[in-house]
PDB file of N, CA and C in Angstrom:
ATOM      1  N   MET A   1      -6.040   4.105  -0.325  1.00  0.00           N
ATOM      2  CA  MET A   1      -5.462   4.797  -1.438  1.00  0.00           C
ATOM      3  C   MET A   1      -4.524   3.830  -2.154  1.00  0.00           C
ATOM      4  N   ILE A   2      -4.553   3.867  -3.460  1.00  0.00           N
ATOM      5  CA  ILE A   2      -3.634   3.076  -4.264  1.00  0.00           C
ATOM      6  C   ILE A   2      -2.593   4.033  -4.815  1.00  0.00           C
ATOM      7  N   LEU A   3      -1.331   3.647  -4.655  1.00  0.00           N
ATOM      8  CA  LEU A   3      -0.226   4.527  -5.014  1.00  0.00           C
ATOM      9  C   LEU A   3       0.804   3.757  -5.825  1.00  0.00           C
ATOM     10  N   ASP A   4       1.244   4.331  -6.933  1.00  0.00           N
ATOM     11  CA  ASP A   4       2.336   3.743  -7.708  1.00  0.00           C
ATOM     12  C   ASP A   4       3.634   4.356  -7.201  1.00  0.00           C
ATOM     13  N   LEU A   5       4.705   3.584  -7.157  1.00  0.00           N
ATOM     14  CA  LEU A   5       5.991   4.115  -6.710  1.00  0.00           C
ATOM     15  C   LEU A   5       6.648   5.003  -7.751  1.00  0.00           C
ATOM     16  N   LYS A   6       6.536   4.616  -8.996  1.00  0.00           N
ATOM     17  CA  LYS A   6       7.214   5.345 -10.077  1.00  0.00           C
ATOM     18  C   LYS A   6       6.194   6.141 -10.866  1.00  0.00           C
ATOM     19  N   MET A   7       6.256   7.471 -10.680  1.00  0.00           N
ATOM     20  CA  MET A   7       5.341   8.356 -11.400  1.00  0.00           C
ATOM     21  C   MET A   7       6.155   9.512 -11.968  1.00  0.00           C
ATOM     22  N   PRO A   8       5.763  10.027 -13.117  1.00  0.00           N
ATOM     23  CA  PRO A   8       6.504  11.141 -13.706  1.00  0.00           C
ATOM     24  C   PRO A   8       6.459  12.372 -12.795  1.00  0.00           C
ATOM     25  N   GLY A   9       7.641  12.877 -12.456  1.00  0.00           N
ATOM     26  CA  GLY A   9       7.715  14.120 -11.701  1.00  0.00           C
ATOM     27  C   GLY A   9       7.448  14.011 -10.207  1.00  0.00           C
ATOM     28  N   ILE A  10       7.192  12.826  -9.706  1.00  0.00           N
ATOM     29  CA  ILE A  10       6.883  12.693  -8.278  1.00  0.00           C
ATOM     30  C   ILE A  10       7.366  11.320  -7.786  1.00  0.00           C
ATOM     31  N   ASP A  11       7.869  11.294  -6.584  1.00  0.00           N
ATOM     32  CA  ASP A  11       8.384  10.067  -5.989  1.00  0.00           C
ATOM     33  C   ASP A  11       7.316   9.444  -5.100  1.00  0.00           C
ATOM     34  N   GLY A  12       6.868   8.249  -5.469  1.00  0.00           N
ATOM     35  CA  GLY A  12       5.815   7.577  -4.711  1.00  0.00           C
ATOM     36  C   GLY A  12       6.183   7.321  -3.259  1.00  0.00           C
ATOM     37  N   MET A  13       7.454   7.058  -2.989  1.00  0.00           N
ATOM     38  CA  MET A  13       7.903   6.832  -1.616  1.00  0.00           C
ATOM     39  C   MET A  13       7.706   8.097  -0.774  1.00  0.00           C
ATOM     40  N   GLU A  14       7.995   9.252  -1.362  1.00  0.00           N
ATOM     41  CA  GLU A  14       7.789  10.520  -0.651  1.00  0.00           C
ATOM     42  C   GLU A  14       6.298  10.791  -0.438  1.00  0.00           C
ATOM     43  N   VAL A  15       5.488  10.448  -1.415  1.00  0.00           N
ATOM     44  CA  VAL A  15       4.037  10.610  -1.257  1.00  0.00           C
ATOM     45  C   VAL A  15       3.548   9.725  -0.115  1.00  0.00           C
ATOM     46  N   LEU A  16       4.011   8.480  -0.083  1.00  0.00           N
ATOM     47  CA  LEU A  16       3.649   7.562   0.996  1.00  0.00           C
ATOM     48  C   LEU A  16       4.041   8.149   2.345  1.00  0.00           C
ATOM     49  N   ARG A  17       5.277   8.601   2.463  1.00  0.00           N
ATOM     50  CA  ARG A  17       5.766   9.186   3.714  1.00  0.00           C
ATOM     51  C   ARG A  17       4.899  10.377   4.137  1.00  0.00           C
ATOM     52  N   HIS A  18       4.620  11.251   3.210  1.00  0.00           N
ATOM     53  CA  HIS A  18       3.831  12.452   3.510  1.00  0.00           C
ATOM     54  C   HIS A  18       2.407  12.100   3.939  1.00  0.00           C
ATOM     55  N   ILE A  19       1.751  11.211   3.200  1.00  0.00           N
ATOM     56  CA  ILE A  19       0.371  10.831   3.529  1.00  0.00           C
ATOM     57  C   ILE A  19       0.307  10.214   4.921  1.00  0.00           C
ATOM     58  N   LYS A  20       1.231   9.292   5.226  1.00  0.00           N
ATOM     59  CA  LYS A  20       1.202   8.627   6.539  1.00  0.00           C
ATOM     60  C   LYS A  20       1.522   9.595   7.666  1.00  0.00           C
ATOM     61  N   GLU A  21       2.348  10.608   7.420  1.00  0.00           N
ATOM     62  CA  GLU A  21       2.626  11.617   8.441  1.00  0.00           C
ATOM     63  C   GLU A  21       1.420  12.517   8.675  1.00  0.00           C
ATOM     64  N   GLU A  22       0.788  12.942   7.598  1.00  0.00           N
ATOM     65  CA  GLU A  22      -0.321  13.888   7.692  1.00  0.00           C
ATOM     66  C   GLU A  22      -1.665  13.217   7.975  1.00  0.00           C
ATOM     67  N   HIS A  23      -1.833  11.985   7.508  1.00  0.00           N
ATOM     68  CA  HIS A  23      -3.100  11.264   7.638  1.00  0.00           C
ATOM     69  C   HIS A  23      -2.817   9.800   7.981  1.00  0.00           C
ATOM     70  N   PRO A  24      -2.374   9.526   9.199  1.00  0.00           N
ATOM     71  CA  PRO A  24      -1.931   8.169   9.558  1.00  0.00           C
ATOM     72  C   PRO A  24      -2.999   7.081   9.443  1.00  0.00           C
ATOM     73  N   LYS A  25      -4.256   7.447   9.451  1.00  0.00           N
ATOM     74  CA  LYS A  25      -5.310   6.433   9.357  1.00  0.00           C
ATOM     75  C   LYS A  25      -5.623   6.027   7.923  1.00  0.00           C
ATOM     76  N   VAL A  26      -5.081   6.748   6.960  1.00  0.00           N
ATOM     77  CA  VAL A  26      -5.287   6.393   5.565  1.00  0.00           C
ATOM     78  C   VAL A  26      -4.452   5.150   5.266  1.00  0.00           C
ATOM     79  N   GLU A  27      -5.078   4.144   4.685  1.00  0.00           N
ATOM     80  CA  GLU A  27      -4.377   2.921   4.310  1.00  0.00           C
ATOM     81  C   GLU A  27      -3.941   3.043   2.856  1.00  0.00           C
ATOM     82  N   LEU A  28      -2.666   2.786   2.605  1.00  0.00           N
ATOM     83  CA  LEU A  28      -2.106   2.897   1.267  1.00  0.00           C
ATOM     84  C   LEU A  28      -1.683   1.538   0.744  1.00  0.00           C
ATOM     85  N   ILE A  29      -2.089   1.262  -0.474  1.00  0.00           N
ATOM     86  CA  ILE A  29      -1.688   0.049  -1.182  1.00  0.00           C
ATOM     87  C   ILE A  29      -0.730   0.506  -2.272  1.00  0.00           C
ATOM     88  N   VAL A  30       0.501   0.048  -2.185  1.00  0.00           N
ATOM     89  CA  VAL A  30       1.515   0.437  -3.152  1.00  0.00           C
ATOM     90  C   VAL A  30       1.552  -0.609  -4.264  1.00  0.00           C
ATOM     91  N   MET A  31       1.520  -0.115  -5.503  1.00  0.00           N
ATOM     92  CA  MET A  31       1.627  -0.994  -6.668  1.00  0.00           C
ATOM     93  C   MET A  31       2.780  -0.486  -7.516  1.00  0.00           C
ATOM     94  N   THR A  32       3.587  -1.410  -8.003  1.00  0.00           N
ATOM     95  CA  THR A  32       4.689  -1.001  -8.851  1.00  0.00           C
ATOM     96  C   THR A  32       5.080  -2.110  -9.813  1.00  0.00           C
ATOM     97  N   GLY A  33       5.588  -1.713 -10.932  1.00  0.00           N
ATOM     98  CA  GLY A  33       6.112  -2.660 -11.894  1.00  0.00           C
ATOM     99  C   GLY A  33       7.628  -2.599 -11.936  1.00  0.00           C
ATOM    100  N   GLN A  34       8.204  -1.708 -11.117  1.00  0.00           N
ATOM    101  CA  GLN A  34       9.645  -1.489 -11.171  1.00  0.00           C
ATOM    102  C   GLN A  34      10.270  -1.471  -9.777  1.00  0.00           C
ATOM    103  N   GLY A  35       9.649  -2.097  -8.819  1.00  0.00           N
ATOM    104  CA  GLY A  35      10.147  -2.060  -7.457  1.00  0.00           C
ATOM    105  C   GLY A  35      11.168  -3.136  -7.172  1.00  0.00           C
ATOM    106  N   SER A  36      11.672  -3.075  -5.955  1.00  0.00           N
ATOM    107  CA  SER A  36      12.673  -4.039  -5.495  1.00  0.00           C
ATOM    108  C   SER A  36      12.283  -4.520  -4.099  1.00  0.00           C
ATOM    109  N   GLU A  37      13.008  -5.489  -3.604  1.00  0.00           N
ATOM    110  CA  GLU A  37      12.767  -5.968  -2.244  1.00  0.00           C
ATOM    111  C   GLU A  37      13.045  -4.839  -1.244  1.00  0.00           C
ATOM    112  N   GLU A  38      14.043  -4.016  -1.522  1.00  0.00           N
ATOM    113  CA  GLU A  38      14.337  -2.855  -0.668  1.00  0.00           C
ATOM    114  C   GLU A  38      13.164  -1.888  -0.647  1.00  0.00           C
ATOM    115  N   ASP A  39      12.585  -1.644  -1.827  1.00  0.00           N
ATOM    116  CA  ASP A  39      11.419  -0.757  -1.912  1.00  0.00           C
ATOM    117  C   ASP A  39      10.274  -1.315  -1.078  1.00  0.00           C
ATOM    118  N   LYS A  40      10.050  -2.614  -1.193  1.00  0.00           N
ATOM    119  CA  LYS A  40       8.969  -3.245  -0.434  1.00  0.00           C
ATOM    120  C   LYS A  40       9.185  -3.056   1.064  1.00  0.00           C
ATOM    121  N   GLU A  41      10.396  -3.338   1.529  1.00  0.00           N
ATOM    122  CA  GLU A  41      10.701  -3.178   2.951  1.00  0.00           C
ATOM    123  C   GLU A  41      10.508  -1.735   3.399  1.00  0.00           C
ATOM    124  N   SER A  42      10.969  -0.788   2.594  1.00  0.00           N
ATOM    125  CA  SER A  42      10.825   0.631   2.929  1.00  0.00           C
ATOM    126  C   SER A  42       9.362   1.042   3.005  1.00  0.00           C
ATOM    127  N   CYS A  43       8.586   0.611   2.023  1.00  0.00           N
ATOM    128  CA  CYS A  43       7.159   0.957   2.003  1.00  0.00           C
ATOM    129  C   CYS A  43       6.439   0.399   3.228  1.00  0.00           C
ATOM    130  N   MET A  44       6.728  -0.837   3.570  1.00  0.00           N
ATOM    131  CA  MET A  44       6.059  -1.456   4.714  1.00  0.00           C
ATOM    132  C   MET A  44       6.479  -0.765   6.014  1.00  0.00           C
ATOM    133  N   LYS A  45       7.748  -0.375   6.126  1.00  0.00           N
ATOM    134  CA  LYS A  45       8.217   0.354   7.315  1.00  0.00           C
ATOM    135  C   LYS A  45       7.559   1.726   7.415  1.00  0.00           C
ATOM    136  N   LEU A  46       7.277   2.319   6.253  1.00  0.00           N
ATOM    137  CA  LEU A  46       6.624   3.632   6.246  1.00  0.00           C
ATOM    138  C   LEU A  46       5.125   3.545   6.511  1.00  0.00           C
ATOM    139  N   GLY A  47       4.600   2.328   6.567  1.00  0.00           N
ATOM    140  CA  GLY A  47       3.197   2.172   6.922  1.00  0.00           C
ATOM    141  C   GLY A  47       2.268   1.759   5.809  1.00  0.00           C
ATOM    142  N   ALA A  48       2.798   1.327   4.671  1.00  0.00           N
ATOM    143  CA  ALA A  48       1.921   0.850   3.601  1.00  0.00           C
ATOM    144  C   ALA A  48       1.132  -0.358   4.096  1.00  0.00           C
ATOM    145  N   PHE A  49      -0.097  -0.454   3.671  1.00  0.00           N
ATOM    146  CA  PHE A  49      -0.925  -1.609   4.028  1.00  0.00           C
ATOM    147  C   PHE A  49      -0.489  -2.840   3.252  1.00  0.00           C
ATOM    148  N   ALA A  50      -0.139  -2.634   1.979  1.00  0.00           N
ATOM    149  CA  ALA A  50       0.282  -3.749   1.130  1.00  0.00           C
ATOM    150  C   ALA A  50       1.201  -3.228   0.045  1.00  0.00           C
ATOM    151  N   TYR A  51       1.996  -4.133  -0.483  1.00  0.00           N
ATOM    152  CA  TYR A  51       2.915  -3.829  -1.577  1.00  0.00           C
ATOM    153  C   TYR A  51       2.682  -4.882  -2.651  1.00  0.00           C
ATOM    154  N   LEU A  52       2.233  -4.447  -3.812  1.00  0.00           N
ATOM    155  CA  LEU A  52       1.895  -5.373  -4.897  1.00  0.00           C
ATOM    156  C   LEU A  52       2.721  -5.074  -6.131  1.00  0.00           C
ATOM    157  N   GLU A  53       3.158  -6.134  -6.799  1.00  0.00           N
ATOM    158  CA  GLU A  53       3.892  -5.967  -8.037  1.00  0.00           C
ATOM    159  C   GLU A  53       2.953  -6.153  -9.221  1.00  0.00           C
ATOM    160  N   LYS A  54       3.100  -5.275 -10.208  1.00  0.00           N
ATOM    161  CA  LYS A  54       2.308  -5.360 -11.431  1.00  0.00           C
ATOM    162  C   LYS A  54       2.855  -6.469 -12.302  1.00  0.00           C
ATOM    163  N   PRO A  55       2.031  -7.114 -13.079  1.00  0.00           N
ATOM    164  CA  PRO A  55       0.582  -6.942 -13.143  1.00  0.00           C
ATOM    165  C   PRO A  55      -0.082  -7.553 -11.914  1.00  0.00           C
ATOM    166  N   VAL A  56      -1.120  -6.892 -11.462  1.00  0.00           N
ATOM    167  CA  VAL A  56      -1.837  -7.303 -10.260  1.00  0.00           C
ATOM    168  C   VAL A  56      -3.132  -7.996 -10.656  1.00  0.00           C
ATOM    169  N   ASP A  57      -3.371  -9.144 -10.059  1.00  0.00           N
ATOM    170  CA  ASP A  57      -4.636  -9.850 -10.260  1.00  0.00           C
ATOM    171  C   ASP A  57      -5.758  -9.001  -9.652  1.00  0.00           C
ATOM    172  N   VAL A  58      -6.782  -8.729 -10.419  1.00  0.00           N
ATOM    173  CA  VAL A  58      -7.877  -7.865  -9.973  1.00  0.00           C
ATOM    174  C   VAL A  58      -8.561  -8.424  -8.716  1.00  0.00           C
ATOM    175  N   GLU A  59      -8.698  -9.729  -8.640  1.00  0.00           N
ATOM    176  CA  GLU A  59      -9.323 -10.335  -7.453  1.00  0.00           C
ATOM    177  C   GLU A  59      -8.466 -10.111  -6.209  1.00  0.00           C
ATOM    178  N   VAL A  60      -7.157 -10.269  -6.346  1.00  0.00           N
ATOM    179  CA  VAL A  60      -6.249 -10.036  -5.219  1.00  0.00           C
ATOM    180  C   VAL A  60      -6.325  -8.576  -4.797  1.00  0.00           C
ATOM    181  N   LEU A  61      -6.286  -7.670  -5.756  1.00  0.00           N
ATOM    182  CA  LEU A  61      -6.385  -6.242  -5.447  1.00  0.00           C
ATOM    183  C   LEU A  61      -7.697  -5.931  -4.749  1.00  0.00           C
ATOM    184  N   SER A  62      -8.781  -6.493  -5.232  1.00  0.00           N
ATOM    185  CA  SER A  62     -10.093  -6.274  -4.628  1.00  0.00           C
ATOM    186  C   SER A  62     -10.121  -6.742  -3.173  1.00  0.00           C
ATOM    187  N   GLN A  63      -9.561  -7.918  -2.910  1.00  0.00           N
ATOM    188  CA  GLN A  63      -9.533  -8.444  -1.538  1.00  0.00           C
ATOM    189  C   GLN A  63      -8.687  -7.565  -0.633  1.00  0.00           C
ATOM    190  N   ILE A  64      -7.534  -7.123  -1.121  1.00  0.00           N
ATOM    191  CA  ILE A  64      -6.665  -6.283  -0.309  1.00  0.00           C
ATOM    192  C   ILE A  64      -7.311  -4.926  -0.057  1.00  0.00           C
ATOM    193  N   MET A  65      -7.985  -4.385  -1.060  1.00  0.00           N
ATOM    194  CA  MET A  65      -8.688  -3.112  -0.865  1.00  0.00           C
ATOM    195  C   MET A  65      -9.771  -3.254   0.194  1.00  0.00           C
ATOM    196  N   GLN A  66     -10.480  -4.361   0.165  1.00  0.00           N
ATOM    197  CA  GLN A  66     -11.532  -4.604   1.150  1.00  0.00           C
ATOM    198  C   GLN A  66     -10.939  -4.688   2.559  1.00  0.00           C
ATOM    199  N   LYS A  67      -9.812  -5.373   2.697  1.00  0.00           N
ATOM    200  CA  LYS A  67      -9.159  -5.499   4.003  1.00  0.00           C
ATOM    201  C   LYS A  67      -8.622  -4.149   4.491  1.00  0.00           C
ATOM    202  N   ALA A  68      -8.084  -3.360   3.576  1.00  0.00           N
ATOM    203  CA  ALA A  68      -7.600  -2.026   3.944  1.00  0.00           C
ATOM    204  C   ALA A  68      -8.758  -1.151   4.407  1.00  0.00           C
ATOM    205  N   TYR A  69      -9.869  -1.253   3.719  1.00  0.00           N
ATOM    206  CA  TYR A  69     -11.064  -0.491   4.099  1.00  0.00           C
ATOM    207  C   TYR A  69     -11.547  -0.903   5.488  1.00  0.00           C
ATOM    208  N   GLN A  70     -11.561  -2.203   5.744  1.00  0.00           N
ATOM    209  CA  GLN A  70     -11.978  -2.689   7.063  1.00  0.00           C
ATOM    210  C   GLN A  70     -11.033  -2.185   8.145  1.00  0.00           C
ATOM    211  N   LYS A  71      -9.746  -2.200   7.866  1.00  0.00           N
ATOM    212  CA  LYS A  71      -8.782  -1.714   8.850  1.00  0.00           C
ATOM    213  C   LYS A  71      -8.983  -0.229   9.112  1.00  0.00           C
ATOM    214  N   ALA A  72      -9.192   0.531   8.060  1.00  0.00           N
ATOM    215  CA  ALA A  72      -9.391   1.975   8.201  1.00  0.00           C
ATOM    216  C   ALA A  72     -10.636   2.281   9.025  1.00  0.00           C
ATOM    217  N   ARG A  73     -11.618   1.413   8.930  1.00  0.00           N
ATOM    218  CA  ARG A  73     -12.855   1.601   9.689  1.00  0.00           C
ATOM    219  C   ARG A  73     -12.776   1.002  11.095  1.00  0.00           C
ATOM    220  N   GLY A  74     -11.636   0.382  11.426  1.00  0.00           N
ATOM    221  CA  GLY A  74     -11.488  -0.211  12.741  1.00  0.00           C
ATOM    222  C   GLY A  74     -12.066  -1.605  12.844  1.00  0.00           C
ATOM    223  N   GLU A  75     -12.276  -2.249  11.708  1.00  0.00           N
ATOM    224  CA  GLU A  75     -12.866  -3.589  11.665  1.00  0.00           C
ATOM    225  C   GLU A  75     -11.803  -4.625  11.321  1.00  0.00           C
ATOM    226  N   ASP A  76     -10.546  -4.366  11.691  1.00  0.00           N
ATOM    227  CA  ASP A  76      -9.441  -5.206  11.234  1.00  0.00           C
ATOM    228  C   ASP A  76      -9.115  -6.385  12.133  1.00  0.00           C
ATOM    229  N   ARG A  77      -9.964  -6.738  13.055  1.00  0.00           N
ATOM    230  CA  ARG A  77      -9.671  -7.856  13.957  1.00  0.00           C
ATOM    231  C   ARG A  77      -9.377  -9.148  13.197  1.00  0.00           C
ATOM    232  N   ASN A  78      -9.990  -9.337  12.038  1.00  0.00           N
ATOM    233  CA  ASN A  78      -9.835 -10.587  11.294  1.00  0.00           C
ATOM    234  C   ASN A  78      -9.039 -10.402  10.006  1.00  0.00           C
ATOM    235  N   VAL A  79      -8.382  -9.258   9.856  1.00  0.00           N
ATOM    236  CA  VAL A  79      -7.593  -9.022   8.645  1.00  0.00           C
ATOM    237  C   VAL A  79      -6.351  -9.889   8.716  1.00  0.00           C
ATOM    238  N   SER A  80      -6.197 -10.761   7.718  1.00  0.00           N
ATOM    239  CA  SER A  80      -5.034 -11.643   7.704  1.00  0.00           C
ATOM    240  C   SER A  80      -3.822 -10.905   7.177  1.00  0.00           C
ATOM    241  N   ASP A  81      -2.687 -11.505   7.300  1.00  0.00           N
ATOM    242  CA  ASP A  81      -1.437 -10.877   6.905  1.00  0.00           C
ATOM    243  C   ASP A  81      -1.106 -11.184   5.452  1.00  0.00           C
ATOM    244  N   GLU A  82      -1.939 -10.700   4.532  1.00  0.00           N
ATOM    245  CA  GLU A  82      -1.726 -10.912   3.093  1.00  0.00           C
ATOM    246  C   GLU A  82      -1.202  -9.633   2.468  1.00  0.00           C
ATOM    247  N   LYS A  83      -0.094  -9.145   2.974  1.00  0.00           N
ATOM    248  CA  LYS A  83       0.430  -7.874   2.505  1.00  0.00           C
ATOM    249  C   LYS A  83       1.580  -8.035   1.554  1.00  0.00           C
ATOM    250  N   ASP A  84       1.710  -9.133   0.902  1.00  0.00           N
ATOM    251  CA  ASP A  84       2.841  -9.340  -0.010  1.00  0.00           C
ATOM    252  C   ASP A  84       2.453  -8.910  -1.388  1.00  0.00           C
TER     253      ASP A  84
END
């Protein structure tokens, strides 16, 4: 799942927390154009697969989505630590 932190009427951090509590196997990629280092640390502690700052390179996003999908399917033995 791709999630923005700043959305009208809803807090992305709360959505992340709720999804990981209710569906822990769902991998979330957080994207934001208004985040901070604190936000990144919080998201990663809450279980985000990756934290990306906008604008995001489409190739990087594609690779991270593929790795998240592999992890969700249990194929993450070779997933590198490219979660920045």
